[in-house]
Amino acid sequence: MRASNRSVFVPNAKGIITRLAYAFGQEKGADVETLLRRSGLSHKQIDDADTRVEVRKQIKFLDLVADATGDDLLGFHLSQSFDLRKVGLLYYVFASSDRLDEALRRAARYSSIVNEGIRLTLHERKEIGVVFEYSGVARRSDRHQIEFWIAGLIRACRQITNRRLTADRVSFAHRGKVTSELSAFFGSEIRFGAGVDEAVFSSSIRDIAIPGGDPYLNELLLRYCEDALSQQKASQTSFGLNVENTIAVLMPHGKAHISEVARKLGVGQRTLARRLASEGLTFSMVLQRLRCELAKRHLTDNDLSISKIAWLLGYQDVSAFTNAFRRWTGRAPRVIRGQSA
């Protein structure tokens, strides 16, 4: 099948977390220069704050620094003490808003200025939910970056309101453990392995005024933000990645079928198949590739039983998972687990 010649969207970011991770790794004695090279990043991207970095490379660098320093909560830790003004234009338009709900709407609209790989969406019903969605990046590849941004958002809300605000709940799509450190910071329910990355606030935040709000400054900054949005490259996101990210949250519930994925993406099954074919893919290829990659990752987590991994990947029994894993790798899951122990 011949792939489409449309350009593939490669999201980039300001590189704030990359530079913070570099400094942290350096402080801890890690060989950060080697880690940079392994990530495909350059020292210029560390030294020059105006040089943007590819989001996929940033995610890889964070993983490497976390492994090198033994910090399982690297992204969360990096979010705790950095100067929020490093976020730049987005922070200032956030902080100069009149009310917190207005600030969150601004953050949602302009978040791609800081990181094109993560888009914020605001859902205002009985509660106010800030959803973090991935664009042009496989959600399965990330952990530290999303923990950084959700914790950073909570911290920014507290700073601009001069209140210790807490979300009603915080959800992460990746697996993890609720530690006392996370509980102390968030002060709310924390869910890992959820179907969405999200921070949900009480509707009462609509009434919270921002002491430093400045309507004149905010109006001026909004013009700059709109200009920045208009200058962003209009690229086509890989449809295959959209399908993969949708499958990922449906698998544990046994609903990762083409009909359900098509419904979630708002297209017909034939359209879904045609758009995947334009990228040289099929639904089965995307599903099996994702299952294989997640299986290898889950097998390194000794807290997960083989039966639990089978369930997370959407298999009804362990034997079906074992047979599939043998087809992918030529080895049984228990053999792989034994080698990684």
C-alpha atoms as a PDB file:
ATOM      1  CA  MET A   1       0.000   0.000   0.000  1.00  0.00           C
ATOM      2  CA  ARG A   2       1.455   3.330  -1.051  1.00  0.00           C
ATOM      3  CA  ALA A   3       1.617   5.914   1.740  1.00  0.00           C
ATOM      4  CA  SER A   4       0.305   9.425   1.322  1.00  0.00           C
ATOM      5  CA  ASN A   5       2.800  12.152   0.469  1.00  0.00           C
ATOM      6  CA  ARG A   6       1.212  14.555   2.961  1.00  0.00           C
ATOM      7  CA  SER A   7       3.710  15.942   5.446  1.00  0.00           C
ATOM      8  CA  VAL A   8       3.545  14.310   8.856  1.00  0.00           C
ATOM      9  CA  PHE A   9       3.035  16.583  11.842  1.00  0.00           C
ATOM     10  CA  VAL A  10       6.115  16.557  14.114  1.00  0.00           C
ATOM     11  CA  PRO A  11       5.168  18.551  17.242  1.00  0.00           C
ATOM     12  CA  ASN A  12       7.735  20.656  19.037  1.00  0.00           C
ATOM     13  CA  ALA A  13       7.893  22.446  22.376  1.00  0.00           C
ATOM     14  CA  LYS A  14       9.659  25.303  24.122  1.00  0.00           C
ATOM     15  CA  GLY A  15      11.881  22.715  25.814  1.00  0.00           C
ATOM     16  CA  ILE A  16      11.324  23.963  29.363  1.00  0.00           C
ATOM     17  CA  ILE A  17      11.211  20.456  30.828  1.00  0.00           C
ATOM     18  CA  THR A  18      14.204  19.330  28.789  1.00  0.00           C
ATOM     19  CA  ARG A  19      16.363  22.107  30.244  1.00  0.00           C
ATOM     20  CA  LEU A  20      15.099  21.483  33.777  1.00  0.00           C
ATOM     21  CA  ALA A  21      15.837  17.755  33.413  1.00  0.00           C
ATOM     22  CA  TYR A  22      19.303  18.501  32.049  1.00  0.00           C
ATOM     23  CA  ALA A  23      20.135  20.683  35.060  1.00  0.00           C
ATOM     24  CA  PHE A  24      18.704  18.096  37.447  1.00  0.00           C
ATOM     25  CA  GLY A  25      20.635  15.250  35.852  1.00  0.00           C
ATOM     26  CA  GLN A  26      23.829  17.293  35.911  1.00  0.00           C
ATOM     27  CA  GLU A  27      23.330  18.043  39.606  1.00  0.00           C
ATOM     28  CA  LYS A  28      22.851  14.331  40.341  1.00  0.00           C
ATOM     29  CA  GLY A  29      26.010  13.387  38.468  1.00  0.00           C
ATOM     30  CA  ALA A  30      24.357  11.749  35.460  1.00  0.00           C
ATOM     31  CA  ASP A  31      26.155  11.733  32.096  1.00  0.00           C
ATOM     32  CA  VAL A  32      23.682  14.214  30.617  1.00  0.00           C
ATOM     33  CA  GLU A  33      25.736  14.789  27.452  1.00  0.00           C
ATOM     34  CA  THR A  34      25.403  11.138  26.501  1.00  0.00           C
ATOM     35  CA  LEU A  35      21.711  11.183  27.383  1.00  0.00           C
ATOM     36  CA  LEU A  36      21.248  14.209  25.106  1.00  0.00           C
ATOM     37  CA  ARG A  37      22.865  12.409  22.196  1.00  0.00           C
ATOM     38  CA  ARG A  38      20.805   9.265  22.789  1.00  0.00           C
ATOM     39  CA  SER A  39      17.685  11.426  22.666  1.00  0.00           C
ATOM     40  CA  GLY A  40      18.699  13.098  19.425  1.00  0.00           C
ATOM     41  CA  LEU A  41      19.000  16.501  21.118  1.00  0.00           C
ATOM     42  CA  SER A  42      21.830  19.026  20.889  1.00  0.00           C
ATOM     43  CA  HIS A  43      23.569  21.183  23.474  1.00  0.00           C
ATOM     44  CA  LYS A  44      22.386  24.255  21.558  1.00  0.00           C
ATOM     45  CA  GLN A  45      18.834  23.328  22.496  1.00  0.00           C
ATOM     46  CA  ILE A  46      19.854  23.412  26.139  1.00  0.00           C
ATOM     47  CA  ASP A  47      21.839  26.659  25.971  1.00  0.00           C
ATOM     48  CA  ASP A  48      19.387  28.635  23.811  1.00  0.00           C
ATOM     49  CA  ALA A  49      15.958  29.040  25.419  1.00  0.00           C
ATOM     50  CA  ASP A  50      14.546  30.226  22.094  1.00  0.00           C
ATOM     51  CA  THR A  51      15.412  26.970  20.349  1.00  0.00           C
ATOM     52  CA  ARG A  52      12.495  24.557  20.349  1.00  0.00           C
ATOM     53  CA  VAL A  53      12.772  20.784  20.735  1.00  0.00           C
ATOM     54  CA  GLU A  54      10.864  17.910  19.202  1.00  0.00           C
ATOM     55  CA  VAL A  55       8.334  16.617  21.751  1.00  0.00           C
ATOM     56  CA  ARG A  56       9.167  12.945  21.138  1.00  0.00           C
ATOM     57  CA  LYS A  57      12.837  13.638  21.843  1.00  0.00           C
ATOM     58  CA  GLN A  58      11.922  15.567  24.987  1.00  0.00           C
ATOM     59  CA  ILE A  59       9.898  12.592  26.242  1.00  0.00           C
ATOM     60  CA  LYS A  60      12.789  10.228  25.534  1.00  0.00           C
ATOM     61  CA  PHE A  61      15.269  12.495  27.325  1.00  0.00           C
ATOM     62  CA  LEU A  62      13.042  12.664  30.400  1.00  0.00           C
ATOM     63  CA  ASP A  63      12.835   8.871  30.511  1.00  0.00           C
ATOM     64  CA  LEU A  64      16.618   8.566  30.235  1.00  0.00           C
ATOM     65  CA  VAL A  65      17.257  11.138  32.984  1.00  0.00           C
ATOM     66  CA  ALA A  66      14.687   9.467  35.245  1.00  0.00           C
ATOM     67  CA  ASP A  67      16.420   6.096  34.768  1.00  0.00           C
ATOM     68  CA  ALA A  68      19.902   7.563  35.238  1.00  0.00           C
ATOM     69  CA  THR A  69      18.963   9.359  38.467  1.00  0.00           C
ATOM     70  CA  GLY A  70      16.578   6.710  39.802  1.00  0.00           C
ATOM     71  CA  ASP A  71      13.823   9.302  40.111  1.00  0.00           C
ATOM     72  CA  ASP A  72      10.498   7.618  39.360  1.00  0.00           C
ATOM     73  CA  LEU A  73       8.642  10.918  39.796  1.00  0.00           C
ATOM     74  CA  LEU A  74      10.994  13.088  37.756  1.00  0.00           C
ATOM     75  CA  GLY A  75       8.321  15.080  35.911  1.00  0.00           C
ATOM     76  CA  PHE A  76       6.398  15.777  39.097  1.00  0.00           C
ATOM     77  CA  HIS A  77       9.547  16.817  40.957  1.00  0.00           C
ATOM     78  CA  LEU A  78      10.647  19.159  38.166  1.00  0.00           C
ATOM     79  CA  SER A  79       7.263  20.904  38.307  1.00  0.00           C
ATOM     80  CA  GLN A  80       7.588  21.847  41.957  1.00  0.00           C
ATOM     81  CA  SER A  81      10.124  24.645  42.072  1.00  0.00           C
ATOM     82  CA  PHE A  82      10.785  26.069  38.607  1.00  0.00           C
ATOM     83  CA  ASP A  83       9.925  29.702  37.904  1.00  0.00           C
ATOM     84  CA  LEU A  84       6.489  29.598  36.254  1.00  0.00           C
ATOM     85  CA  ARG A  85       7.400  32.670  34.223  1.00  0.00           C
ATOM     86  CA  LYS A  86       9.641  30.392  32.140  1.00  0.00           C
ATOM     87  CA  VAL A  87       6.446  29.253  30.406  1.00  0.00           C
ATOM     88  CA  GLY A  88       6.464  32.704  28.811  1.00  0.00           C
ATOM     89  CA  LEU A  89       3.509  34.300  27.043  1.00  0.00           C
ATOM     90  CA  LEU A  90       1.042  31.603  28.114  1.00  0.00           C
ATOM     91  CA  TYR A  91       1.819  32.182  31.799  1.00  0.00           C
ATOM     92  CA  TYR A  92       1.378  35.949  31.562  1.00  0.00           C
ATOM     93  CA  VAL A  93      -1.961  35.742  29.764  1.00  0.00           C
ATOM     94  CA  PHE A  94      -3.002  33.160  32.381  1.00  0.00           C
ATOM     95  CA  ALA A  95      -1.949  35.335  35.326  1.00  0.00           C
ATOM     96  CA  SER A  96      -3.475  38.576  33.965  1.00  0.00           C
ATOM     97  CA  SER A  97      -6.947  37.072  33.498  1.00  0.00           C
ATOM     98  CA  ASP A  98      -9.837  38.303  35.617  1.00  0.00           C
ATOM     99  CA  ARG A  99     -11.107  34.987  37.046  1.00  0.00           C
ATOM    100  CA  LEU A 100      -9.703  31.489  37.317  1.00  0.00           C
ATOM    101  CA  ASP A 101     -12.197  29.905  34.907  1.00  0.00           C
ATOM    102  CA  GLU A 102     -11.286  32.562  32.348  1.00  0.00           C
ATOM    103  CA  ALA A 103      -7.586  31.820  32.903  1.00  0.00           C
ATOM    104  CA  LEU A 104      -8.190  28.124  32.290  1.00  0.00           C
ATOM    105  CA  ARG A 105      -9.999  28.891  29.020  1.00  0.00           C
ATOM    106  CA  ARG A 106      -6.994  30.946  27.932  1.00  0.00           C
ATOM    107  CA  ALA A 107      -4.637  28.098  28.863  1.00  0.00           C
ATOM    108  CA  ALA A 108      -6.715  25.665  26.837  1.00  0.00           C
ATOM    109  CA  ARG A 109      -6.793  27.846  23.750  1.00  0.00           C
ATOM    110  CA  TYR A 110      -3.114  28.765  23.720  1.00  0.00           C
ATOM    111  CA  SER A 111      -1.421  25.689  25.259  1.00  0.00           C
ATOM    112  CA  SER A 112      -0.004  24.589  21.893  1.00  0.00           C
ATOM    113  CA  ILE A 113       2.192  27.701  21.864  1.00  0.00           C
ATOM    114  CA  VAL A 114       4.245  26.031  24.593  1.00  0.00           C
ATOM    115  CA  ASN A 115       3.896  22.396  23.556  1.00  0.00           C
ATOM    116  CA  GLU A 116       2.343  21.302  20.262  1.00  0.00           C
ATOM    117  CA  GLY A 117       2.201  17.689  21.418  1.00  0.00           C
ATOM    118  CA  ILE A 118      -0.310  18.333  24.212  1.00  0.00           C
ATOM    119  CA  ARG A 119      -3.549  20.227  23.685  1.00  0.00           C
ATOM    120  CA  LEU A 120      -5.796  21.326  26.537  1.00  0.00           C
ATOM    121  CA  THR A 121      -9.577  21.144  26.288  1.00  0.00           C
ATOM    122  CA  LEU A 122     -11.938  22.682  28.838  1.00  0.00           C
ATOM    123  CA  HIS A 123     -15.197  20.905  29.682  1.00  0.00           C
ATOM    124  CA  GLU A 124     -17.616  23.036  31.682  1.00  0.00           C
ATOM    125  CA  ARG A 125     -20.560  21.111  33.070  1.00  0.00           C
ATOM    126  CA  LYS A 126     -21.362  20.646  36.755  1.00  0.00           C
ATOM    127  CA  GLU A 127     -17.600  20.492  37.166  1.00  0.00           C
ATOM    128  CA  ILE A 128     -14.813  22.114  35.199  1.00  0.00           C
ATOM    129  CA  GLY A 129     -12.460  19.592  33.641  1.00  0.00           C
ATOM    130  CA  VAL A 130      -9.152  20.378  31.980  1.00  0.00           C
ATOM    131  CA  VAL A 131      -8.343  17.502  29.615  1.00  0.00           C
ATOM    132  CA  PHE A 132      -4.816  16.995  28.251  1.00  0.00           C
ATOM    133  CA  GLU A 133      -4.913  15.404  24.782  1.00  0.00           C
ATOM    134  CA  TYR A 134      -1.951  14.226  22.711  1.00  0.00           C
ATOM    135  CA  SER A 135      -1.362  15.434  19.178  1.00  0.00           C
ATOM    136  CA  GLY A 136       1.236  13.854  16.898  1.00  0.00           C
ATOM    137  CA  VAL A 137       2.702  11.888  19.826  1.00  0.00           C
ATOM    138  CA  ALA A 138       1.899   8.370  21.022  1.00  0.00           C
ATOM    139  CA  ARG A 139       0.354   8.689  24.475  1.00  0.00           C
ATOM    140  CA  ARG A 140       1.932   5.376  25.558  1.00  0.00           C
ATOM    141  CA  SER A 141       5.403   6.929  25.210  1.00  0.00           C
ATOM    142  CA  ASP A 142       4.905   9.563  27.899  1.00  0.00           C
ATOM    143  CA  ARG A 143       4.786   9.702  31.657  1.00  0.00           C
ATOM    144  CA  HIS A 144       7.061  12.379  33.092  1.00  0.00           C
ATOM    145  CA  GLN A 145       5.967  15.171  30.747  1.00  0.00           C
ATOM    146  CA  ILE A 146       2.252  14.787  31.563  1.00  0.00           C
ATOM    147  CA  GLU A 147       2.917  14.582  35.306  1.00  0.00           C
ATOM    148  CA  PHE A 148       4.941  17.783  34.981  1.00  0.00           C
ATOM    149  CA  TRP A 149       2.181  19.684  33.184  1.00  0.00           C
ATOM    150  CA  ILE A 150      -0.749  18.596  35.328  1.00  0.00           C
ATOM    151  CA  ALA A 151       1.146  19.342  38.537  1.00  0.00           C
ATOM    152  CA  GLY A 152       2.395  22.592  36.976  1.00  0.00           C
ATOM    153  CA  LEU A 153      -1.161  23.632  36.136  1.00  0.00           C
ATOM    154  CA  ILE A 154      -2.291  23.073  39.730  1.00  0.00           C
ATOM    155  CA  ARG A 155       0.705  25.025  40.996  1.00  0.00           C
ATOM    156  CA  ALA A 156       0.019  27.908  38.601  1.00  0.00           C
ATOM    157  CA  CYS A 157      -3.625  28.079  39.735  1.00  0.00           C
ATOM    158  CA  ARG A 158      -2.466  28.342  43.331  1.00  0.00           C
ATOM    159  CA  GLN A 159       0.123  30.995  42.560  1.00  0.00           C
ATOM    160  CA  ILE A 160      -2.143  33.372  40.638  1.00  0.00           C
ATOM    161  CA  THR A 161      -5.033  33.093  43.133  1.00  0.00           C
ATOM    162  CA  ASN A 162      -2.917  33.078  46.309  1.00  0.00           C
ATOM    163  CA  ARG A 163      -4.946  30.067  47.457  1.00  0.00           C
ATOM    164  CA  ARG A 164      -4.085  26.436  48.064  1.00  0.00           C
ATOM    165  CA  LEU A 165      -6.562  25.192  45.504  1.00  0.00           C
ATOM    166  CA  THR A 166      -7.128  21.500  44.994  1.00  0.00           C
ATOM    167  CA  ALA A 167      -8.776  19.721  42.115  1.00  0.00           C
ATOM    168  CA  ASP A 168     -11.633  17.362  42.964  1.00  0.00           C
ATOM    169  CA  ARG A 169      -9.673  14.630  41.204  1.00  0.00           C
ATOM    170  CA  VAL A 170      -6.651  14.194  38.980  1.00  0.00           C
ATOM    171  CA  SER A 171      -6.414  11.395  36.401  1.00  0.00           C
ATOM    172  CA  PHE A 172      -3.485   9.961  34.442  1.00  0.00           C
ATOM    173  CA  ALA A 173      -3.803   7.512  31.560  1.00  0.00           C
ATOM    174  CA  HIS A 174      -0.491   5.784  32.362  1.00  0.00           C
ATOM    175  CA  ARG A 175       0.021   3.343  35.199  1.00  0.00           C
ATOM    176  CA  GLY A 176       1.599   4.562  38.418  1.00  0.00           C
ATOM    177  CA  LYS A 177       1.387   4.510  42.199  1.00  0.00           C
ATOM    178  CA  VAL A 178      -0.283   7.023  44.472  1.00  0.00           C
ATOM    179  CA  THR A 179       2.454   8.031  46.908  1.00  0.00           C
ATOM    180  CA  SER A 180       2.212  10.147  50.044  1.00  0.00           C
ATOM    181  CA  GLU A 181       4.185  12.837  48.207  1.00  0.00           C
ATOM    182  CA  LEU A 182       1.652  13.006  45.371  1.00  0.00           C
ATOM    183  CA  SER A 183      -1.268  12.953  47.796  1.00  0.00           C
ATOM    184  CA  ALA A 184       0.228  15.772  49.862  1.00  0.00           C
ATOM    185  CA  PHE A 185       0.640  17.973  46.794  1.00  0.00           C
ATOM    186  CA  PHE A 186      -2.619  17.324  44.969  1.00  0.00           C
ATOM    187  CA  GLY A 187      -4.777  16.976  48.100  1.00  0.00           C
ATOM    188  CA  SER A 188      -7.416  15.145  46.085  1.00  0.00           C
ATOM    189  CA  GLU A 189      -8.285  11.828  44.516  1.00  0.00           C
ATOM    190  CA  ILE A 190      -5.557  10.594  42.145  1.00  0.00           C
ATOM    191  CA  ARG A 191      -6.311   7.995  39.493  1.00  0.00           C
ATOM    192  CA  PHE A 192      -3.718   6.124  37.439  1.00  0.00           C
ATOM    193  CA  GLY A 193      -4.604   3.941  34.474  1.00  0.00           C
ATOM    194  CA  ALA A 194      -7.582   6.177  33.747  1.00  0.00           C
ATOM    195  CA  GLY A 195      -9.191   6.690  30.365  1.00  0.00           C
ATOM    196  CA  VAL A 196      -8.084  10.320  30.203  1.00  0.00           C
ATOM    197  CA  ASP A 197      -5.423  12.739  31.474  1.00  0.00           C
ATOM    198  CA  GLU A 198      -7.436  15.330  33.344  1.00  0.00           C
ATOM    199  CA  ALA A 199      -7.722  17.708  36.287  1.00  0.00           C
ATOM    200  CA  VAL A 200     -11.328  18.228  37.435  1.00  0.00           C
ATOM    201  CA  PHE A 201     -12.274  21.258  39.526  1.00  0.00           C
ATOM    202  CA  SER A 202     -15.431  22.214  41.375  1.00  0.00           C
ATOM    203  CA  SER A 203     -17.664  24.685  39.534  1.00  0.00           C
ATOM    204  CA  SER A 204     -17.077  27.073  42.468  1.00  0.00           C
ATOM    205  CA  ILE A 205     -13.757  28.139  40.896  1.00  0.00           C
ATOM    206  CA  ARG A 206     -15.803  30.329  38.534  1.00  0.00           C
ATOM    207  CA  ASP A 207     -16.146  32.788  41.398  1.00  0.00           C
ATOM    208  CA  ILE A 208     -12.434  32.956  42.242  1.00  0.00           C
ATOM    209  CA  ALA A 209     -10.939  36.285  41.241  1.00  0.00           C
ATOM    210  CA  ILE A 210      -7.265  36.627  40.335  1.00  0.00           C
ATOM    211  CA  PRO A 211      -5.722  39.406  42.491  1.00  0.00           C
ATOM    212  CA  GLY A 212      -3.184  40.349  39.831  1.00  0.00           C
ATOM    213  CA  GLY A 213      -5.689  40.343  36.978  1.00  0.00           C
ATOM    214  CA  ASP A 214      -5.158  43.192  34.524  1.00  0.00           C
ATOM    215  CA  PRO A 215      -7.778  43.468  31.740  1.00  0.00           C
ATOM    216  CA  TYR A 216      -5.707  45.931  29.682  1.00  0.00           C
ATOM    217  CA  LEU A 217      -2.571  43.795  29.805  1.00  0.00           C
ATOM    218  CA  ASN A 218      -4.633  40.675  29.165  1.00  0.00           C
ATOM    219  CA  GLU A 219      -6.197  42.169  26.052  1.00  0.00           C
ATOM    220  CA  LEU A 220      -2.769  43.099  24.711  1.00  0.00           C
ATOM    221  CA  LEU A 221      -1.351  39.649  25.441  1.00  0.00           C
ATOM    222  CA  LEU A 222      -4.306  37.944  23.778  1.00  0.00           C
ATOM    223  CA  ARG A 223      -3.345  39.638  20.502  1.00  0.00           C
ATOM    224  CA  TYR A 224       0.176  38.246  20.789  1.00  0.00           C
ATOM    225  CA  CYS A 225      -1.238  34.796  21.543  1.00  0.00           C
ATOM    226  CA  GLU A 226      -3.536  34.910  18.526  1.00  0.00           C
ATOM    227  CA  ASP A 227      -0.600  35.945  16.348  1.00  0.00           C
ATOM    228  CA  ALA A 228       1.468  33.071  17.721  1.00  0.00           C
ATOM    229  CA  LEU A 229      -1.334  30.620  16.950  1.00  0.00           C
ATOM    230  CA  SER A 230      -1.721  31.899  13.406  1.00  0.00           C
ATOM    231  CA  GLN A 231       2.013  31.487  12.777  1.00  0.00           C
ATOM    232  CA  GLN A 232       2.083  27.860  13.848  1.00  0.00           C
ATOM    233  CA  LYS A 233       2.611  25.486  10.982  1.00  0.00           C
ATOM    234  CA  ALA A 234      -0.685  23.996   9.798  1.00  0.00           C
ATOM    235  CA  SER A 235       0.320  20.337   9.629  1.00  0.00           C
ATOM    236  CA  GLN A 236      -1.584  17.101   9.345  1.00  0.00           C
ATOM    237  CA  THR A 237      -1.501  14.994  12.480  1.00  0.00           C
ATOM    238  CA  SER A 238      -0.846  11.311  11.863  1.00  0.00           C
ATOM    239  CA  PHE A 239      -4.249   9.636  11.825  1.00  0.00           C
ATOM    240  CA  GLY A 240      -2.561   6.388  12.859  1.00  0.00           C
ATOM    241  CA  LEU A 241      -1.453   8.000  16.127  1.00  0.00           C
ATOM    242  CA  ASN A 242      -4.992   9.256  16.758  1.00  0.00           C
ATOM    243  CA  VAL A 243      -6.261   5.713  16.282  1.00  0.00           C
ATOM    244  CA  GLU A 244      -3.535   4.305  18.553  1.00  0.00           C
ATOM    245  CA  ASN A 245      -4.241   6.788  21.337  1.00  0.00           C
ATOM    246  CA  THR A 246      -7.957   5.964  21.132  1.00  0.00           C
ATOM    247  CA  ILE A 247      -7.307   2.211  21.217  1.00  0.00           C
ATOM    248  CA  ALA A 248      -5.062   2.609  24.268  1.00  0.00           C
ATOM    249  CA  VAL A 249      -7.874   3.804  26.545  1.00  0.00           C
ATOM    250  CA  LEU A 250     -10.386   1.252  25.225  1.00  0.00           C
ATOM    251  CA  MET A 251      -8.236  -1.891  25.521  1.00  0.00           C
ATOM    252  CA  PRO A 252      -8.626  -2.623  29.255  1.00  0.00           C
ATOM    253  CA  HIS A 253     -12.401  -2.560  28.825  1.00  0.00           C
ATOM    254  CA  GLY A 254     -12.357  -5.000  25.910  1.00  0.00           C
ATOM    255  CA  LYS A 255     -13.794  -2.341  23.594  1.00  0.00           C
ATOM    256  CA  ALA A 256     -10.860  -1.814  21.241  1.00  0.00           C
ATOM    257  CA  HIS A 257     -12.909  -2.749  18.168  1.00  0.00           C
ATOM    258  CA  ILE A 258     -12.780  -0.847  14.902  1.00  0.00           C
ATOM    259  CA  SER A 259     -16.456   0.136  15.212  1.00  0.00           C
ATOM    260  CA  GLU A 260     -15.956   1.679  18.665  1.00  0.00           C
ATOM    261  CA  VAL A 261     -12.710   3.433  17.707  1.00  0.00           C
ATOM    262  CA  ALA A 262     -14.379   4.883  14.607  1.00  0.00           C
ATOM    263  CA  ARG A 263     -17.277   6.111  16.748  1.00  0.00           C
ATOM    264  CA  LYS A 264     -14.907   7.765  19.226  1.00  0.00           C
ATOM    265  CA  LEU A 265     -13.093   9.531  16.383  1.00  0.00           C
ATOM    266  CA  GLY A 266     -16.343  10.620  14.739  1.00  0.00           C
ATOM    267  CA  VAL A 267     -15.781   8.799  11.439  1.00  0.00           C
ATOM    268  CA  GLY A 268     -17.233   5.763   9.708  1.00  0.00           C
ATOM    269  CA  GLN A 269     -15.398   2.437   9.665  1.00  0.00           C
ATOM    270  CA  ARG A 270     -14.687   2.716   5.953  1.00  0.00           C
ATOM    271  CA  THR A 271     -13.311   6.225   6.382  1.00  0.00           C
ATOM    272  CA  LEU A 272     -11.118   5.053   9.257  1.00  0.00           C
ATOM    273  CA  ALA A 273      -9.749   2.179   7.165  1.00  0.00           C
ATOM    274  CA  ARG A 274      -9.178   4.451   4.162  1.00  0.00           C
ATOM    275  CA  ARG A 275      -7.319   7.082   6.176  1.00  0.00           C
ATOM    276  CA  LEU A 276      -5.119   4.445   7.803  1.00  0.00           C
ATOM    277  CA  ALA A 277      -4.400   2.957   4.379  1.00  0.00           C
ATOM    278  CA  SER A 278      -3.217   6.380   3.175  1.00  0.00           C
ATOM    279  CA  GLU A 279      -0.469   6.075   5.822  1.00  0.00           C
ATOM    280  CA  GLY A 280       0.308   2.487   4.878  1.00  0.00           C
ATOM    281  CA  LEU A 281      -1.481   1.088   7.936  1.00  0.00           C
ATOM    282  CA  THR A 282      -4.403  -1.160   8.835  1.00  0.00           C
ATOM    283  CA  PHE A 283      -6.428  -1.216  12.055  1.00  0.00           C
ATOM    284  CA  SER A 284      -5.007  -4.644  12.907  1.00  0.00           C
ATOM    285  CA  MET A 285      -1.438  -3.390  12.431  1.00  0.00           C
ATOM    286  CA  VAL A 286      -1.987  -0.453  14.784  1.00  0.00           C
ATOM    287  CA  LEU A 287      -3.683  -2.627  17.411  1.00  0.00           C
ATOM    288  CA  GLN A 288      -1.044  -5.370  17.379  1.00  0.00           C
ATOM    289  CA  ARG A 289       1.878  -2.928  17.394  1.00  0.00           C
ATOM    290  CA  LEU A 290       0.420  -1.133  20.403  1.00  0.00           C
ATOM    291  CA  ARG A 291      -0.278  -4.381  22.258  1.00  0.00           C
ATOM    292  CA  CYS A 292       3.267  -5.608  21.645  1.00  0.00           C
ATOM    293  CA  GLU A 293       4.913  -2.388  22.863  1.00  0.00           C
ATOM    294  CA  LEU A 294       2.692  -2.135  25.946  1.00  0.00           C
ATOM    295  CA  ALA A 295       3.193  -5.824  26.764  1.00  0.00           C
ATOM    296  CA  LYS A 296       6.980  -5.394  26.805  1.00  0.00           C
ATOM    297  CA  ARG A 297       6.653  -2.335  29.032  1.00  0.00           C
ATOM    298  CA  HIS A 298       4.183  -3.953  31.446  1.00  0.00           C
ATOM    299  CA  LEU A 299       6.386  -7.039  31.821  1.00  0.00           C
ATOM    300  CA  THR A 300       9.099  -4.884  33.411  1.00  0.00           C
ATOM    301  CA  ASP A 301       6.629  -3.997  36.197  1.00  0.00           C
ATOM    302  CA  ASN A 302       6.810  -6.887  38.666  1.00  0.00           C
ATOM    303  CA  ASP A 303       3.729  -5.591  40.467  1.00  0.00           C
ATOM    304  CA  LEU A 304       1.654  -6.622  37.439  1.00  0.00           C
ATOM    305  CA  SER A 305       0.721 -10.276  37.145  1.00  0.00           C
ATOM    306  CA  ILE A 306       0.646 -11.893  33.700  1.00  0.00           C
ATOM    307  CA  SER A 307      -3.151 -12.190  33.987  1.00  0.00           C
ATOM    308  CA  LYS A 308      -3.427  -8.488  34.820  1.00  0.00           C
ATOM    309  CA  ILE A 309      -1.304  -7.596  31.776  1.00  0.00           C
ATOM    310  CA  ALA A 310      -3.536  -9.766  29.590  1.00  0.00           C
ATOM    311  CA  TRP A 311      -6.575  -7.828  30.871  1.00  0.00           C
ATOM    312  CA  LEU A 312      -4.907  -4.462  30.320  1.00  0.00           C
ATOM    313  CA  LEU A 313      -4.286  -5.444  26.697  1.00  0.00           C
ATOM    314  CA  GLY A 314      -7.898  -6.481  26.157  1.00  0.00           C
ATOM    315  CA  TYR A 315      -7.473 -10.285  26.224  1.00  0.00           C
ATOM    316  CA  GLN A 316     -10.120 -12.392  27.918  1.00  0.00           C
ATOM    317  CA  ASP A 317      -7.665 -15.036  29.084  1.00  0.00           C
ATOM    318  CA  VAL A 318      -3.939 -15.473  29.666  1.00  0.00           C
ATOM    319  CA  SER A 319      -3.501 -18.151  27.001  1.00  0.00           C
ATOM    320  CA  ALA A 320      -4.705 -15.800  24.240  1.00  0.00           C
ATOM    321  CA  PHE A 321      -2.191 -13.193  25.379  1.00  0.00           C
ATOM    322  CA  THR A 322       0.621 -15.761  25.688  1.00  0.00           C
ATOM    323  CA  ASN A 323      -0.007 -17.087  22.188  1.00  0.00           C
ATOM    324  CA  ALA A 324      -0.099 -13.576  20.727  1.00  0.00           C
ATOM    325  CA  PHE A 325       3.103 -12.596  22.534  1.00  0.00           C
ATOM    326  CA  ARG A 326       4.861 -15.686  21.149  1.00  0.00           C
ATOM    327  CA  ARG A 327       3.855 -14.623  17.624  1.00  0.00           C
ATOM    328  CA  TRP A 328       5.279 -11.128  18.165  1.00  0.00           C
ATOM    329  CA  THR A 329       8.550 -12.060  19.865  1.00  0.00           C
ATOM    330  CA  GLY A 330       9.052 -15.808  19.530  1.00  0.00           C
ATOM    331  CA  ARG A 331       9.170 -16.108  23.322  1.00  0.00           C
ATOM    332  CA  ALA A 332       6.708 -16.494  26.190  1.00  0.00           C
ATOM    333  CA  PRO A 333       5.887 -13.511  28.437  1.00  0.00           C
ATOM    334  CA  ARG A 334       7.379 -15.241  31.498  1.00  0.00           C
ATOM    335  CA  VAL A 335      10.701 -15.673  29.702  1.00  0.00           C
ATOM    336  CA  ILE A 336      10.864 -11.942  28.941  1.00  0.00           C
ATOM    337  CA  ARG A 337       9.960 -11.122  32.537  1.00  0.00           C
ATOM    338  CA  GLY A 338      12.670 -13.410  33.835  1.00  0.00           C
ATOM    339  CA  GLN A 339      15.278 -11.719  31.644  1.00  0.00           C
ATOM    340  CA  SER A 340      14.319  -8.234  32.880  1.00  0.00           C
ATOM    341  CA  ALA A 341      14.386  -9.212  36.549  1.00  0.00           C
END
